[in-house]
Amino acid sequence: MNHPCHQDQVTNLKRIEGQVRGVQSMIDDGQYCIDILNQIKAVRNALTRVEGNILKRHLETCLKESLDGENAFDEKVNELLQILKR
């Protein structure tokens, strides 16, 4: 089974990395709590978007490929359920 490439998400992850460093700087600088919380919320939303993009590609490729065999499909569904339960 070929795994899909998620290289297009690297730019988003680098942006998120910068946002996290920004939050750390805000804390170091003693900035207002609400401003810090707003930035944390932005980081979480950005990670959720990356997660959604990767999940979508997984469904479109990995799960779709597993439709050829019942066991493989069940296995992929169970993988998804486990990750969503966390």
PDB file of N, CA and C in Angstrom:
ATOM      1  N   MET A   1       0.841  -1.182   0.000  1.00  0.00           N
ATOM      2  CA  MET A   1       0.000   0.000   0.000  1.00  0.00           C
ATOM      3  C   MET A   1       0.886   1.244   0.000  1.00  0.00           C
ATOM      4  N   ASN A   2       0.578   2.166  -0.866  1.00  0.00           N
ATOM      5  CA  ASN A   2       1.312   3.427  -0.925  1.00  0.00           C
ATOM      6  C   ASN A   2       0.679   4.431   0.021  1.00  0.00           C
ATOM      7  N   HIS A   3       1.525   5.105   0.767  1.00  0.00           N
ATOM      8  CA  HIS A   3       1.027   6.130   1.669  1.00  0.00           C
ATOM      9  C   HIS A   3       1.015   7.465   0.934  1.00  0.00           C
ATOM     10  N   PRO A   4      -0.024   8.260   1.126  1.00  0.00           N
ATOM     11  CA  PRO A   4      -0.090   9.545   0.436  1.00  0.00           C
ATOM     12  C   PRO A   4       0.963  10.511   0.987  1.00  0.00           C
ATOM     13  N   CYS A   5       1.351  11.429   0.156  1.00  0.00           N
ATOM     14  CA  CYS A   5       2.327  12.447   0.545  1.00  0.00           C
ATOM     15  C   CYS A   5       1.590  13.601   1.234  1.00  0.00           C
ATOM     16  N   HIS A   6       2.132  14.049   2.329  1.00  0.00           N
ATOM     17  CA  HIS A   6       1.552  15.172   3.064  1.00  0.00           C
ATOM     18  C   HIS A   6       2.497  16.372   3.064  1.00  0.00           C
ATOM     19  N   GLN A   7       3.394  16.389   2.104  1.00  0.00           N
ATOM     20  CA  GLN A   7       4.410  17.439   2.027  1.00  0.00           C
ATOM     21  C   GLN A   7       3.778  18.830   1.963  1.00  0.00           C
ATOM     22  N   ASP A   8       2.586  18.938   1.394  1.00  0.00           N
ATOM     23  CA  ASP A   8       1.918  20.236   1.291  1.00  0.00           C
ATOM     24  C   ASP A   8       1.533  20.799   2.657  1.00  0.00           C
ATOM     25  N   GLN A   9       1.573  19.985   3.686  1.00  0.00           N
ATOM     26  CA  GLN A   9       1.233  20.454   5.031  1.00  0.00           C
ATOM     27  C   GLN A   9       2.437  21.035   5.770  1.00  0.00           C
ATOM     28  N   VAL A  10       3.632  20.853   5.218  1.00  0.00           N
ATOM     29  CA  VAL A  10       4.843  21.333   5.883  1.00  0.00           C
ATOM     30  C   VAL A  10       4.812  22.851   6.049  1.00  0.00           C
ATOM     31  N   THR A  11       4.357  23.568   5.043  1.00  0.00           N
ATOM     32  CA  THR A  11       4.261  25.025   5.149  1.00  0.00           C
ATOM     33  C   THR A  11       3.349  25.422   6.299  1.00  0.00           C
ATOM     34  N   ASN A  12       2.222  24.756   6.398  1.00  0.00           N
ATOM     35  CA  ASN A  12       1.292  25.035   7.497  1.00  0.00           C
ATOM     36  C   ASN A  12       1.936  24.727   8.847  1.00  0.00           C
ATOM     37  N   LEU A  13       2.654  23.618   8.921  1.00  0.00           N
ATOM     38  CA  LEU A  13       3.298  23.246  10.181  1.00  0.00           C
ATOM     39  C   LEU A  13       4.402  24.227  10.567  1.00  0.00           C
ATOM     40  N   LYS A  14       5.116  24.736   9.586  1.00  0.00           N
ATOM     41  CA  LYS A  14       6.151  25.739   9.879  1.00  0.00           C
ATOM     42  C   LYS A  14       5.515  27.034  10.390  1.00  0.00           C
ATOM     43  N   ARG A  15       4.376  27.388   9.821  1.00  0.00           N
ATOM     44  CA  ARG A  15       3.649  28.562  10.294  1.00  0.00           C
ATOM     45  C   ARG A  15       3.190  28.351  11.736  1.00  0.00           C
ATOM     46  N   ILE A  16       2.684  27.172  12.026  1.00  0.00           N
ATOM     47  CA  ILE A  16       2.249  26.839  13.376  1.00  0.00           C
ATOM     48  C   ILE A  16       3.438  26.887  14.337  1.00  0.00           C
ATOM     49  N   GLU A  17       4.559  26.369  13.889  1.00  0.00           N
ATOM     50  CA  GLU A  17       5.772  26.411  14.714  1.00  0.00           C
ATOM     51  C   GLU A  17       6.122  27.859  15.072  1.00  0.00           C
ATOM     52  N   GLY A  18       6.008  28.747  14.101  1.00  0.00           N
ATOM     53  CA  GLY A  18       6.252  30.168  14.355  1.00  0.00           C
ATOM     54  C   GLY A  18       5.244  30.750  15.329  1.00  0.00           C
ATOM     55  N   GLN A  19       3.994  30.323  15.195  1.00  0.00           N
ATOM     56  CA  GLN A  19       2.963  30.794  16.109  1.00  0.00           C
ATOM     57  C   GLN A  19       3.255  30.346  17.544  1.00  0.00           C
ATOM     58  N   VAL A  20       3.707  29.111  17.699  1.00  0.00           N
ATOM     59  CA  VAL A  20       4.015  28.594  19.029  1.00  0.00           C
ATOM     60  C   VAL A  20       5.191  29.373  19.622  1.00  0.00           C
ATOM     61  N   ARG A  21       6.203  29.654  18.813  1.00  0.00           N
ATOM     62  CA  ARG A  21       7.315  30.476  19.295  1.00  0.00           C
ATOM     63  C   ARG A  21       6.819  31.859  19.689  1.00  0.00           C
ATOM     64  N   GLY A  22       5.850  32.379  18.944  1.00  0.00           N
ATOM     65  CA  GLY A  22       5.260  33.669  19.277  1.00  0.00           C
ATOM     66  C   GLY A  22       4.551  33.643  20.621  1.00  0.00           C
ATOM     67  N   VAL A  23       3.851  32.554  20.894  1.00  0.00           N
ATOM     68  CA  VAL A  23       3.178  32.410  22.191  1.00  0.00           C
ATOM     69  C   VAL A  23       4.219  32.385  23.309  1.00  0.00           C
ATOM     70  N   GLN A  24       5.287  31.663  23.081  1.00  0.00           N
ATOM     71  CA  GLN A  24       6.347  31.607  24.085  1.00  0.00           C
ATOM     72  C   GLN A  24       6.923  32.997  24.335  1.00  0.00           C
ATOM     73  N   SER A  25       7.126  33.767  23.285  1.00  0.00           N
ATOM     74  CA  SER A  25       7.636  35.137  23.435  1.00  0.00           C
ATOM     75  C   SER A  25       6.645  36.012  24.190  1.00  0.00           C
ATOM     76  N   MET A  26       5.367  35.832  23.893  1.00  0.00           N
ATOM     77  CA  MET A  26       4.344  36.601  24.598  1.00  0.00           C
ATOM     78  C   MET A  26       4.392  36.320  26.092  1.00  0.00           C
ATOM     79  N   ILE A  27       4.575  35.042  26.435  1.00  0.00           N
ATOM     80  CA  ILE A  27       4.663  34.668  27.846  1.00  0.00           C
ATOM     81  C   ILE A  27       5.926  35.253  28.464  1.00  0.00           C
ATOM     82  N   ASP A  28       7.045  35.119  27.752  1.00  0.00           N
ATOM     83  CA  ASP A  28       8.307  35.680  28.247  1.00  0.00           C
ATOM     84  C   ASP A  28       8.210  37.188  28.457  1.00  0.00           C
ATOM     85  N   ASP A  29       7.462  37.865  27.590  1.00  0.00           N
ATOM     86  CA  ASP A  29       7.320  39.319  27.666  1.00  0.00           C
ATOM     87  C   ASP A  29       6.246  39.757  28.659  1.00  0.00           C
ATOM     88  N   GLY A  30       5.528  38.784  29.234  1.00  0.00           N
ATOM     89  CA  GLY A  30       4.501  39.111  30.212  1.00  0.00           C
ATOM     90  C   GLY A  30       3.284  39.788  29.613  1.00  0.00           C
ATOM     91  N   GLN A  31       2.907  39.385  28.405  1.00  0.00           N
ATOM     92  CA  GLN A  31       1.759  40.002  27.750  1.00  0.00           C
ATOM     93  C   GLN A  31       0.450  39.562  28.396  1.00  0.00           C
ATOM     94  N   TYR A  32      -0.596  40.274  28.041  1.00  0.00           N
ATOM     95  CA  TYR A  32      -1.931  40.095  28.605  1.00  0.00           C
ATOM     96  C   TYR A  32      -2.450  38.682  28.334  1.00  0.00           C
ATOM     97  N   CYS A  33      -3.033  38.074  29.365  1.00  0.00           N
ATOM     98  CA  CYS A  33      -3.513  36.689  29.306  1.00  0.00           C
ATOM     99  C   CYS A  33      -4.435  36.431  28.116  1.00  0.00           C
ATOM    100  N   ILE A  34      -5.382  37.312  27.899  1.00  0.00           N
ATOM    101  CA  ILE A  34      -6.358  37.115  26.817  1.00  0.00           C
ATOM    102  C   ILE A  34      -5.666  37.112  25.459  1.00  0.00           C
ATOM    103  N   ASP A  35      -4.668  37.957  25.293  1.00  0.00           N
ATOM    104  CA  ASP A  35      -3.918  37.967  24.029  1.00  0.00           C
ATOM    105  C   ASP A  35      -3.185  36.641  23.822  1.00  0.00           C
ATOM    106  N   ILE A  36      -2.602  36.128  24.891  1.00  0.00           N
ATOM    107  CA  ILE A  36      -1.920  34.832  24.808  1.00  0.00           C
ATOM    108  C   ILE A  36      -2.925  33.734  24.482  1.00  0.00           C
ATOM    109  N   LEU A  37      -4.052  33.747  25.160  1.00  0.00           N
ATOM    110  CA  LEU A  37      -5.084  32.737  24.912  1.00  0.00           C
ATOM    111  C   LEU A  37      -5.600  32.800  23.482  1.00  0.00           C
ATOM    112  N   ASN A  38      -5.741  33.990  22.936  1.00  0.00           N
ATOM    113  CA  ASN A  38      -6.164  34.134  21.534  1.00  0.00           C
ATOM    114  C   ASN A  38      -5.153  33.490  20.595  1.00  0.00           C
ATOM    115  N   GLN A  39      -3.882  33.674  20.873  1.00  0.00           N
ATOM    116  CA  GLN A  39      -2.855  33.071  20.024  1.00  0.00           C
ATOM    117  C   GLN A  39      -2.842  31.550  20.165  1.00  0.00           C
ATOM    118  N   ILE A  40      -3.042  31.073  21.376  1.00  0.00           N
ATOM    119  CA  ILE A  40      -3.110  29.620  21.585  1.00  0.00           C
ATOM    120  C   ILE A  40      -4.289  29.036  20.812  1.00  0.00           C
ATOM    121  N   LYS A  41      -5.410  29.725  20.847  1.00  0.00           N
ATOM    122  CA  LYS A  41      -6.591  29.271  20.101  1.00  0.00           C
ATOM    123  C   LYS A  41      -6.297  29.221  18.598  1.00  0.00           C
ATOM    124  N   ALA A  42      -5.565  30.220  18.108  1.00  0.00           N
ATOM    125  CA  ALA A  42      -5.195  30.237  16.689  1.00  0.00           C
ATOM    126  C   ALA A  42      -4.308  29.042  16.339  1.00  0.00           C
ATOM    127  N   VAL A  43      -3.385  28.706  17.231  1.00  0.00           N
ATOM    128  CA  VAL A  43      -2.513  27.542  17.011  1.00  0.00           C
ATOM    129  C   VAL A  43      -3.346  26.268  16.970  1.00  0.00           C
ATOM    130  N   ARG A  44      -4.248  26.127  17.920  1.00  0.00           N
ATOM    131  CA  ARG A  44      -5.095  24.927  17.958  1.00  0.00           C
ATOM    132  C   ARG A  44      -5.949  24.806  16.695  1.00  0.00           C
ATOM    133  N   ASN A  45      -6.511  25.914  16.246  1.00  0.00           N
ATOM    134  CA  ASN A  45      -7.326  25.890  15.028  1.00  0.00           C
ATOM    135  C   ASN A  45      -6.482  25.517  13.817  1.00  0.00           C
ATOM    136  N   ALA A  46      -5.267  26.036  13.753  1.00  0.00           N
ATOM    137  CA  ALA A  46      -4.383  25.718  12.633  1.00  0.00           C
ATOM    138  C   ALA A  46      -4.019  24.229  12.647  1.00  0.00           C
ATOM    139  N   LEU A  47      -3.751  23.677  13.818  1.00  0.00           N
ATOM    140  CA  LEU A  47      -3.459  22.245  13.914  1.00  0.00           C
ATOM    141  C   LEU A  47      -4.678  21.412  13.520  1.00  0.00           C
ATOM    142  N   THR A  48      -5.853  21.867  13.889  1.00  0.00           N
ATOM    143  CA  THR A  48      -7.079  21.163  13.521  1.00  0.00           C
ATOM    144  C   THR A  48      -7.248  21.136  12.002  1.00  0.00           C
ATOM    145  N   ARG A  49      -6.898  22.240  11.343  1.00  0.00           N
ATOM    146  CA  ARG A  49      -6.983  22.278   9.876  1.00  0.00           C
ATOM    147  C   ARG A  49      -5.998  21.283   9.253  1.00  0.00           C
ATOM    148  N   VAL A  50      -4.784  21.235   9.758  1.00  0.00           N
ATOM    149  CA  VAL A  50      -3.796  20.279   9.244  1.00  0.00           C
ATOM    150  C   VAL A  50      -4.294  18.853   9.475  1.00  0.00           C
ATOM    151  N   GLU A  51      -4.796  18.596  10.676  1.00  0.00           N
ATOM    152  CA  GLU A  51      -5.343  17.279  10.993  1.00  0.00           C
ATOM    153  C   GLU A  51      -6.464  16.911  10.018  1.00  0.00           C
ATOM    154  N   GLY A  52      -7.348  17.846   9.750  1.00  0.00           N
ATOM    155  CA  GLY A  52      -8.453  17.596   8.826  1.00  0.00           C
ATOM    156  C   GLY A  52      -7.977  17.314   7.417  1.00  0.00           C
ATOM    157  N   ASN A  53      -6.963  18.042   6.976  1.00  0.00           N
ATOM    158  CA  ASN A  53      -6.410  17.815   5.637  1.00  0.00           C
ATOM    159  C   ASN A  53      -5.799  16.424   5.519  1.00  0.00           C
ATOM    160  N   ILE A  54      -5.068  16.018   6.550  1.00  0.00           N
ATOM    161  CA  ILE A  54      -4.445  14.693   6.525  1.00  0.00           C
ATOM    162  C   ILE A  54      -5.505  13.603   6.622  1.00  0.00           C
ATOM    163  N   LEU A  55      -6.510  13.807   7.459  1.00  0.00           N
ATOM    164  CA  LEU A  55      -7.604  12.838   7.568  1.00  0.00           C
ATOM    165  C   LEU A  55      -8.344  12.703   6.243  1.00  0.00           C
ATOM    166  N   LYS A  56      -8.612  13.809   5.601  1.00  0.00           N
ATOM    167  CA  LYS A  56      -9.318  13.788   4.307  1.00  0.00           C
ATOM    168  C   LYS A  56      -8.528  12.981   3.281  1.00  0.00           C
ATOM    169  N   ARG A  57      -7.223  13.230   3.214  1.00  0.00           N
ATOM    170  CA  ARG A  57      -6.396  12.497   2.261  1.00  0.00           C
ATOM    171  C   ARG A  57      -6.351  11.010   2.623  1.00  0.00           C
ATOM    172  N   HIS A  58      -6.330  10.713   3.905  1.00  0.00           N
ATOM    173  CA  HIS A  58      -6.339   9.313   4.345  1.00  0.00           C
ATOM    174  C   HIS A  58      -7.619   8.628   3.862  1.00  0.00           C
ATOM    175  N   LEU A  59      -8.741   9.293   4.045  1.00  0.00           N
ATOM    176  CA  LEU A  59     -10.012   8.707   3.615  1.00  0.00           C
ATOM    177  C   LEU A  59     -10.059   8.525   2.101  1.00  0.00           C
ATOM    178  N   GLU A  60      -9.529   9.495   1.387  1.00  0.00           N
ATOM    179  CA  GLU A  60      -9.566   9.448  -0.078  1.00  0.00           C
ATOM    180  C   GLU A  60      -8.605   8.429  -0.676  1.00  0.00           C
ATOM    181  N   THR A  61      -7.553   8.092   0.053  1.00  0.00           N
ATOM    182  CA  THR A  61      -6.553   7.181  -0.507  1.00  0.00           C
ATOM    183  C   THR A  61      -6.501   5.863   0.255  1.00  0.00           C
ATOM    184  N   CYS A  62      -6.027   5.902   1.473  1.00  0.00           N
ATOM    185  CA  CYS A  62      -5.808   4.667   2.241  1.00  0.00           C
ATOM    186  C   CYS A  62      -7.106   3.888   2.459  1.00  0.00           C
ATOM    187  N   LEU A  63      -8.128   4.580   2.912  1.00  0.00           N
ATOM    188  CA  LEU A  63      -9.389   3.897   3.170  1.00  0.00           C
ATOM    189  C   LEU A  63     -10.013   3.408   1.867  1.00  0.00           C
ATOM    190  N   LYS A  64      -9.934   4.220   0.841  1.00  0.00           N
ATOM    191  CA  LYS A  64     -10.503   3.843  -0.457  1.00  0.00           C
ATOM    192  C   LYS A  64      -9.806   2.600  -1.010  1.00  0.00           C
ATOM    193  N   GLU A  65      -8.479   2.538  -0.873  1.00  0.00           N
ATOM    194  CA  GLU A  65      -7.736   1.369  -1.342  1.00  0.00           C
ATOM    195  C   GLU A  65      -8.129   0.118  -0.566  1.00  0.00           C
ATOM    196  N   SER A  66      -8.478   0.275   0.696  1.00  0.00           N
ATOM    197  CA  SER A  66      -8.803  -0.883   1.529  1.00  0.00           C
ATOM    198  C   SER A  66     -10.168  -1.476   1.200  1.00  0.00           C
ATOM    199  N   LEU A  67     -10.940  -0.822   0.349  1.00  0.00           N
ATOM    200  CA  LEU A  67     -12.260  -1.343  -0.008  1.00  0.00           C
ATOM    201  C   LEU A  67     -12.168  -2.641  -0.803  1.00  0.00           C
ATOM    202  N   ASP A  68     -10.971  -2.952  -1.317  1.00  0.00           N
ATOM    203  CA  ASP A  68     -10.790  -4.182  -2.086  1.00  0.00           C
ATOM    204  C   ASP A  68     -10.943  -5.430  -1.225  1.00  0.00           C
ATOM    205  N   GLY A  69     -10.631  -5.328   0.048  1.00  0.00           N
ATOM    206  CA  GLY A  69     -10.738  -6.487   0.927  1.00  0.00           C
ATOM    207  C   GLY A  69     -11.460  -6.127   2.211  1.00  0.00           C
ATOM    208  N   GLU A  70     -12.358  -6.975   2.649  1.00  0.00           N
ATOM    209  CA  GLU A  70     -13.181  -6.676   3.826  1.00  0.00           C
ATOM    210  C   GLU A  70     -12.320  -6.521   5.077  1.00  0.00           C
ATOM    211  N   ASN A  71     -11.350  -7.393   5.261  1.00  0.00           N
ATOM    212  CA  ASN A  71     -10.501  -7.301   6.451  1.00  0.00           C
ATOM    213  C   ASN A  71      -9.712  -5.998   6.467  1.00  0.00           C
ATOM    214  N   ALA A  72      -9.186  -5.616   5.334  1.00  0.00           N
ATOM    215  CA  ALA A  72      -8.406  -4.381   5.253  1.00  0.00           C
ATOM    216  C   ALA A  72      -9.287  -3.179   5.568  1.00  0.00           C
ATOM    217  N   PHE A  73     -10.494  -3.168   5.066  1.00  0.00           N
ATOM    218  CA  PHE A  73     -11.407  -2.060   5.330  1.00  0.00           C
ATOM    219  C   PHE A  73     -11.733  -1.983   6.819  1.00  0.00           C
ATOM    220  N   ASP A  74     -12.069  -3.121   7.406  1.00  0.00           N
ATOM    221  CA  ASP A  74     -12.384  -3.147   8.837  1.00  0.00           C
ATOM    222  C   ASP A  74     -11.198  -2.670   9.667  1.00  0.00           C
ATOM    223  N   GLU A  75     -10.023  -3.073   9.258  1.00  0.00           N
ATOM    224  CA  GLU A  75      -8.809  -2.665   9.952  1.00  0.00           C
ATOM    225  C   GLU A  75      -8.635  -1.143   9.892  1.00  0.00           C
ATOM    226  N   LYS A  76      -8.846  -0.560   8.726  1.00  0.00           N
ATOM    227  CA  LYS A  76      -8.709   0.892   8.555  1.00  0.00           C
ATOM    228  C   LYS A  76      -9.769   1.645   9.358  1.00  0.00           C
ATOM    229  N   VAL A  77     -10.969   1.135   9.388  1.00  0.00           N
ATOM    230  CA  VAL A  77     -12.036   1.763  10.170  1.00  0.00           C
ATOM    231  C   VAL A  77     -11.678   1.725  11.655  1.00  0.00           C
ATOM    232  N   ASN A  78     -11.164   0.599  12.117  1.00  0.00           N
ATOM    233  CA  ASN A  78     -10.763   0.486  13.520  1.00  0.00           C
ATOM    234  C   ASN A  78      -9.616   1.438  13.849  1.00  0.00           C
ATOM    235  N   GLU A  79      -8.674   1.596  12.925  1.00  0.00           N
ATOM    236  CA  GLU A  79      -7.594   2.567  13.126  1.00  0.00           C
ATOM    237  C   GLU A  79      -8.151   3.968  13.319  1.00  0.00           C
ATOM    238  N   LEU A  80      -9.094   4.325  12.455  1.00  0.00           N
ATOM    239  CA  LEU A  80      -9.707   5.657  12.547  1.00  0.00           C
ATOM    240  C   LEU A  80     -10.453   5.832  13.860  1.00  0.00           C
ATOM    241  N   LEU A  81     -11.198   4.833  14.254  1.00  0.00           N
ATOM    242  CA  LEU A  81     -11.940   4.924  15.506  1.00  0.00           C
ATOM    243  C   LEU A  81     -11.009   5.096  16.697  1.00  0.00           C
ATOM    244  N   GLN A  82      -9.901   4.385  16.692  1.00  0.00           N
ATOM    245  CA  GLN A  82      -8.937   4.500  17.791  1.00  0.00           C
ATOM    246  C   GLN A  82      -8.335   5.902  17.862  1.00  0.00           C
ATOM    247  N   ILE A  83      -7.985   6.457  16.725  1.00  0.00           N
ATOM    248  CA  ILE A  83      -7.369   7.788  16.727  1.00  0.00           C
ATOM    249  C   ILE A  83      -8.395   8.859  17.106  1.00  0.00           C
ATOM    250  N   LEU A  84      -9.635   8.673  16.731  1.00  0.00           N
ATOM    251  CA  LEU A  84     -10.663   9.647  17.053  1.00  0.00           C
ATOM    252  C   LEU A  84     -11.081   9.591  18.523  1.00  0.00           C
ATOM    253  N   LYS A  85     -10.869   8.464  19.166  1.00  0.00           N
ATOM    254  CA  LYS A  85     -11.210   8.306  20.578  1.00  0.00           C
ATOM    255  C   LYS A  85     -10.222   9.019  21.499  1.00  0.00           C
ATOM    256  N   ARG A  86      -9.037   9.316  21.004  1.00  0.00           N
ATOM    257  CA  ARG A  86      -8.000   9.942  21.844  1.00  0.00           C
ATOM    258  C   ARG A  86      -8.341  11.358  22.182  1.00  0.00           C
TER     259      ARG A  86
END
